[in-house]
Amino acid sequence: MNKAALQTKNCLGGIVIVVLLLAGRTAVAV
Protein backbone atom coordinates (compact mmCIF):
# COMPACT_ATOMS: atom_id res chain seq x y z
CA MET A 1 0.00 0.00 0.00
CA ASN A 2 1.44 3.39 -0.91
CA LYS A 3 1.62 6.31 1.51
CA ALA A 4 -1.12 8.42 -0.14
CA ALA A 5 -3.64 5.58 0.00
CA LEU A 6 -2.77 4.91 3.64
CA GLN A 7 -3.22 8.59 4.58
CA THR A 8 -6.57 8.70 2.75
CA LYS A 9 -7.72 5.58 4.58
CA ASN A 10 -6.68 7.04 7.95
CA CYS A 11 -8.46 10.32 7.15
CA LEU A 12 -11.68 8.54 6.19
CA GLY A 13 -11.43 6.38 9.31
CA GLY A 14 -11.10 9.51 11.44
CA ILE A 15 -14.14 11.09 9.80
CA VAL A 16 -16.20 7.94 10.40
CA ILE A 17 -15.18 7.92 14.08
CA VAL A 18 -16.13 11.59 14.50
CA VAL A 19 -19.53 11.02 12.85
CA LEU A 20 -20.20 8.02 15.10
CA LEU A 21 -19.25 10.03 18.20
CA LEU A 22 -21.51 12.92 17.18
CA ALA A 23 -24.37 10.51 16.46
CA GLY A 24 -23.87 8.89 19.87
CA ARG A 25 -23.92 12.27 21.62
CA THR A 26 -27.08 13.30 19.76
CA ALA A 27 -28.78 10.02 20.72
CA VAL A 28 -27.84 10.57 24.38
CA ALA A 29 -29.01 14.20 24.31
CA VAL A 30 -32.40 13.31 22.87
C-alpha atoms as a PDB file:
ATOM      1  CA  MET A   1       0.000   0.000   0.000  1.00  0.00           C
ATOM      2  CA  ASN A   2       1.441   3.393  -0.910  1.00  0.00           C
ATOM      3  CA  LYS A   3       1.620   6.305   1.508  1.00  0.00           C
ATOM      4  CA  ALA A   4      -1.116   8.421  -0.136  1.00  0.00           C
ATOM      5  CA  ALA A   5      -3.642   5.577   0.005  1.00  0.00           C
ATOM      6  CA  LEU A   6      -2.767   4.908   3.640  1.00  0.00           C
ATOM      7  CA  GLN A   7      -3.224   8.586   4.575  1.00  0.00           C
ATOM      8  CA  THR A   8      -6.566   8.704   2.751  1.00  0.00           C
ATOM      9  CA  LYS A   9      -7.715   5.579   4.581  1.00  0.00           C
ATOM     10  CA  ASN A  10      -6.681   7.043   7.952  1.00  0.00           C
ATOM     11  CA  CYS A  11      -8.459  10.321   7.154  1.00  0.00           C
ATOM     12  CA  LEU A  12     -11.680   8.540   6.187  1.00  0.00           C
ATOM     13  CA  GLY A  13     -11.430   6.382   9.309  1.00  0.00           C
ATOM     14  CA  GLY A  14     -11.098   9.515  11.441  1.00  0.00           C
ATOM     15  CA  ILE A  15     -14.143  11.094   9.801  1.00  0.00           C
ATOM     16  CA  VAL A  16     -16.200   7.943  10.401  1.00  0.00           C
ATOM     17  CA  ILE A  17     -15.183   7.916  14.076  1.00  0.00           C
ATOM     18  CA  VAL A  18     -16.134  11.585  14.505  1.00  0.00           C
ATOM     19  CA  VAL A  19     -19.526  11.023  12.854  1.00  0.00           C
ATOM     20  CA  LEU A  20     -20.202   8.024  15.101  1.00  0.00           C
ATOM     21  CA  LEU A  21     -19.247  10.026  18.201  1.00  0.00           C
ATOM     22  CA  LEU A  22     -21.510  12.922  17.181  1.00  0.00           C
ATOM     23  CA  ALA A  23     -24.371  10.515  16.458  1.00  0.00           C
ATOM     24  CA  GLY A  24     -23.869   8.888  19.869  1.00  0.00           C
ATOM     25  CA  ARG A  25     -23.920  12.272  21.623  1.00  0.00           C
ATOM     26  CA  THR A  26     -27.077  13.298  19.760  1.00  0.00           C
ATOM     27  CA  ALA A  27     -28.784  10.023  20.717  1.00  0.00           C
ATOM     28  CA  VAL A  28     -27.842  10.567  24.376  1.00  0.00           C
ATOM     29  CA  ALA A  29     -29.005  14.198  24.311  1.00  0.00           C
ATOM     30  CA  VAL A  30     -32.404  13.312  22.868  1.00  0.00           C
END
